[in-house]
Amino acid sequence: MQSKPMAEPVTHLIIDAKHQELIIKIARKYTRESPISWEDAAQAAMMKVYEAVKAGEFHHGGMEEFQRWATVVARYEILNFITKERLRQHQSLDANIVGTDISLVETIPSNAWKPRLD
């Protein structure tokens, strides 16, 4: 009985310079007209691809299939990164209004919100 040869780890697959440019282009596209840094989004995407390869999530295929798979992984990570950053960029109500010592929460009328007791 012949045993199947063990699959080699695919850690030898890397994102080449041409493919890095594609990921950067995707990051720039999705962060356009946004305060979110395309550099941070692209770096998060490349790290996600590296971690996915290291975890064995890419199972078969050659360089062309890897590049296609890596692009999809990177794109979804860029979208997730942007969503997380947008959620984090809301100003705190405890922050002072620029040029004053008054916090934003102090500008909200006390009767602005009342819980419903229905």
C-alpha atoms as a PDB file:
ATOM      1  CA  MET A   1       0.000   0.000   0.000  1.00  0.00           C
ATOM      2  CA  GLN A   2       1.462   3.321  -1.056  1.00  0.00           C
ATOM      3  CA  SER A   3       1.156   6.279   1.206  1.00  0.00           C
ATOM      4  CA  LYS A   4       0.296   9.652  -0.192  1.00  0.00           C
ATOM      5  CA  PRO A   5       3.178  12.090  -0.251  1.00  0.00           C
ATOM      6  CA  MET A   6       2.809  14.790   2.352  1.00  0.00           C
ATOM      7  CA  ALA A   7       1.933  18.153   0.935  1.00  0.00           C
ATOM      8  CA  GLU A   8       4.723  20.651   1.156  1.00  0.00           C
ATOM      9  CA  PRO A   9       4.000  23.783   3.121  1.00  0.00           C
ATOM     10  CA  VAL A  10       3.279  26.708   0.866  1.00  0.00           C
ATOM     11  CA  THR A  11       5.293  29.217   2.861  1.00  0.00           C
ATOM     12  CA  HIS A  12       7.544  29.589  -0.183  1.00  0.00           C
ATOM     13  CA  LEU A  13       4.778  31.520  -1.927  1.00  0.00           C
ATOM     14  CA  ILE A  14       5.279  35.225  -1.485  1.00  0.00           C
ATOM     15  CA  ILE A  15       3.619  38.384  -2.623  1.00  0.00           C
ATOM     16  CA  ASP A  16       5.945  39.702  -5.317  1.00  0.00           C
ATOM     17  CA  ALA A  17       6.454  43.404  -6.059  1.00  0.00           C
ATOM     18  CA  LYS A  18       3.912  43.389  -8.902  1.00  0.00           C
ATOM     19  CA  HIS A  19       1.273  41.850  -6.659  1.00  0.00           C
ATOM     20  CA  GLN A  20       2.120  44.236  -3.806  1.00  0.00           C
ATOM     21  CA  GLU A  21       1.376  47.087  -6.210  1.00  0.00           C
ATOM     22  CA  LEU A  22      -2.028  45.541  -6.938  1.00  0.00           C
ATOM     23  CA  ILE A  23      -2.824  45.358  -3.200  1.00  0.00           C
ATOM     24  CA  ILE A  24      -1.685  48.972  -2.778  1.00  0.00           C
ATOM     25  CA  LYS A  25      -3.935  50.002  -5.683  1.00  0.00           C
ATOM     26  CA  ILE A  26      -6.895  48.252  -4.016  1.00  0.00           C
ATOM     27  CA  ALA A  27      -6.099  49.944  -0.678  1.00  0.00           C
ATOM     28  CA  ARG A  28      -5.884  53.365  -2.338  1.00  0.00           C
ATOM     29  CA  LYS A  29      -9.188  52.778  -4.142  1.00  0.00           C
ATOM     30  CA  TYR A  30     -11.113  51.901  -0.982  1.00  0.00           C
ATOM     31  CA  THR A  31      -9.552  54.608   1.217  1.00  0.00           C
ATOM     32  CA  ARG A  32      -9.952  57.413  -1.337  1.00  0.00           C
ATOM     33  CA  GLU A  33     -11.679  60.479   0.114  1.00  0.00           C
ATOM     34  CA  SER A  34     -11.239  59.037   3.589  1.00  0.00           C
ATOM     35  CA  PRO A  35      -8.992  59.953   6.505  1.00  0.00           C
ATOM     36  CA  ILE A  36      -7.901  56.308   6.687  1.00  0.00           C
ATOM     37  CA  SER A  37      -4.320  55.666   5.608  1.00  0.00           C
ATOM     38  CA  TRP A  38      -3.992  53.495   2.503  1.00  0.00           C
ATOM     39  CA  GLU A  39      -0.537  52.452   3.756  1.00  0.00           C
ATOM     40  CA  ASP A  40      -2.031  51.022   6.948  1.00  0.00           C
ATOM     41  CA  ALA A  41      -4.792  49.251   5.016  1.00  0.00           C
ATOM     42  CA  ALA A  42      -2.298  47.727   2.556  1.00  0.00           C
ATOM     43  CA  GLN A  43       0.007  46.608   5.364  1.00  0.00           C
ATOM     44  CA  ALA A  44      -2.879  44.991   7.252  1.00  0.00           C
ATOM     45  CA  ALA A  45      -3.882  43.185   4.046  1.00  0.00           C
ATOM     46  CA  MET A  46      -0.377  41.869   3.385  1.00  0.00           C
ATOM     47  CA  MET A  47      -0.064  40.697   6.988  1.00  0.00           C
ATOM     48  CA  LYS A  48      -3.408  38.909   6.702  1.00  0.00           C
ATOM     49  CA  VAL A  49      -2.234  37.095   3.558  1.00  0.00           C
ATOM     50  CA  TYR A  50       1.025  36.110   5.259  1.00  0.00           C
ATOM     51  CA  GLU A  51      -0.818  34.834   8.343  1.00  0.00           C
ATOM     52  CA  ALA A  52      -3.290  32.902   6.182  1.00  0.00           C
ATOM     53  CA  VAL A  53      -0.456  31.232   4.250  1.00  0.00           C
ATOM     54  CA  LYS A  54       1.351  30.409   7.469  1.00  0.00           C
ATOM     55  CA  ALA A  55      -1.867  28.899   8.883  1.00  0.00           C
ATOM     56  CA  GLY A  56      -2.176  26.683   5.799  1.00  0.00           C
ATOM     57  CA  GLU A  57      -5.300  28.289   4.370  1.00  0.00           C
ATOM     58  CA  PHE A  58      -3.968  28.163   0.803  1.00  0.00           C
ATOM     59  CA  HIS A  59      -4.064  24.489  -0.121  1.00  0.00           C
ATOM     60  CA  HIS A  60      -3.319  23.951  -3.750  1.00  0.00           C
ATOM     61  CA  GLY A  61      -2.338  25.540  -6.991  1.00  0.00           C
ATOM     62  CA  GLY A  62       0.578  27.385  -8.414  1.00  0.00           C
ATOM     63  CA  MET A  63       1.666  30.977  -8.294  1.00  0.00           C
ATOM     64  CA  GLU A  64      -1.231  32.227 -10.451  1.00  0.00           C
ATOM     65  CA  GLU A  65      -3.835  30.620  -8.174  1.00  0.00           C
ATOM     66  CA  PHE A  66      -1.974  31.925  -5.121  1.00  0.00           C
ATOM     67  CA  GLN A  67      -1.950  35.471  -6.494  1.00  0.00           C
ATOM     68  CA  ARG A  68      -5.698  35.295  -7.189  1.00  0.00           C
ATOM     69  CA  TRP A  69      -6.391  33.884  -3.710  1.00  0.00           C
ATOM     70  CA  ALA A  70      -4.103  36.467  -2.056  1.00  0.00           C
ATOM     71  CA  THR A  71      -5.912  39.299  -3.853  1.00  0.00           C
ATOM     72  CA  VAL A  72      -9.276  38.153  -2.522  1.00  0.00           C
ATOM     73  CA  VAL A  73      -7.910  37.762   1.021  1.00  0.00           C
ATOM     74  CA  ALA A  74      -6.256  41.198   0.820  1.00  0.00           C
ATOM     75  CA  ARG A  75      -9.382  42.890  -0.531  1.00  0.00           C
ATOM     76  CA  TYR A  76     -11.585  41.545   2.251  1.00  0.00           C
ATOM     77  CA  GLU A  77      -8.997  42.498   4.873  1.00  0.00           C
ATOM     78  CA  ILE A  78      -8.822  46.042   3.483  1.00  0.00           C
ATOM     79  CA  LEU A  79     -12.615  46.319   3.693  1.00  0.00           C
ATOM     80  CA  ASN A  80     -12.570  44.977   7.276  1.00  0.00           C
ATOM     81  CA  PHE A  81      -9.741  47.354   8.212  1.00  0.00           C
ATOM     82  CA  ILE A  82     -11.658  50.368   6.855  1.00  0.00           C
ATOM     83  CA  THR A  83     -14.822  49.349   8.704  1.00  0.00           C
ATOM     84  CA  LYS A  84     -12.934  48.993  11.991  1.00  0.00           C
ATOM     85  CA  GLU A  85     -11.139  52.313  11.518  1.00  0.00           C
ATOM     86  CA  ARG A  86     -14.346  54.173  10.745  1.00  0.00           C
ATOM     87  CA  LEU A  87     -15.904  52.808  13.921  1.00  0.00           C
ATOM     88  CA  ARG A  88     -12.889  53.953  15.959  1.00  0.00           C
ATOM     89  CA  GLN A  89     -12.797  57.473  14.558  1.00  0.00           C
ATOM     90  CA  HIS A  90     -15.852  58.826  16.331  1.00  0.00           C
ATOM     91  CA  GLN A  91     -15.144  61.657  18.715  1.00  0.00           C
ATOM     92  CA  SER A  92     -15.656  61.049  22.401  1.00  0.00           C
ATOM     93  CA  LEU A  93     -18.400  62.998  24.171  1.00  0.00           C
ATOM     94  CA  ASP A  94     -15.874  63.641  26.936  1.00  0.00           C
ATOM     95  CA  ALA A  95     -13.591  65.521  24.533  1.00  0.00           C
ATOM     96  CA  ASN A  96     -13.475  69.284  24.825  1.00  0.00           C
ATOM     97  CA  ILE A  97     -14.826  71.522  22.082  1.00  0.00           C
ATOM     98  CA  VAL A  98     -11.836  72.979  20.256  1.00  0.00           C
ATOM     99  CA  GLY A  99     -10.790  76.302  21.796  1.00  0.00           C
ATOM    100  CA  THR A 100     -12.899  75.866  24.959  1.00  0.00           C
ATOM    101  CA  ASP A 101     -12.904  73.999  28.245  1.00  0.00           C
ATOM    102  CA  ILE A 102     -16.422  72.697  27.585  1.00  0.00           C
ATOM    103  CA  SER A 103     -16.890  69.006  26.872  1.00  0.00           C
ATOM    104  CA  LEU A 104     -19.307  67.874  24.188  1.00  0.00           C
ATOM    105  CA  VAL A 105     -21.438  66.049  26.749  1.00  0.00           C
ATOM    106  CA  GLU A 106     -22.060  69.371  28.540  1.00  0.00           C
ATOM    107  CA  THR A 107     -23.720  70.745  25.391  1.00  0.00           C
ATOM    108  CA  ILE A 108     -26.429  68.076  25.344  1.00  0.00           C
ATOM    109  CA  PRO A 109     -29.631  69.322  27.018  1.00  0.00           C
ATOM    110  CA  SER A 110     -30.559  67.314  30.110  1.00  0.00           C
ATOM    111  CA  ASN A 111     -33.994  66.528  28.662  1.00  0.00           C
ATOM    112  CA  ALA A 112     -32.625  65.425  25.268  1.00  0.00           C
ATOM    113  CA  TRP A 113     -32.940  61.740  26.086  1.00  0.00           C
ATOM    114  CA  LYS A 114     -35.419  60.096  28.363  1.00  0.00           C
ATOM    115  CA  PRO A 115     -35.862  56.341  28.530  1.00  0.00           C
ATOM    116  CA  ARG A 116     -39.269  55.021  27.554  1.00  0.00           C
ATOM    117  CA  LEU A 117     -41.054  53.326  30.397  1.00  0.00           C
ATOM    118  CA  ASP A 118     -43.684  51.560  28.278  1.00  0.00           C
END
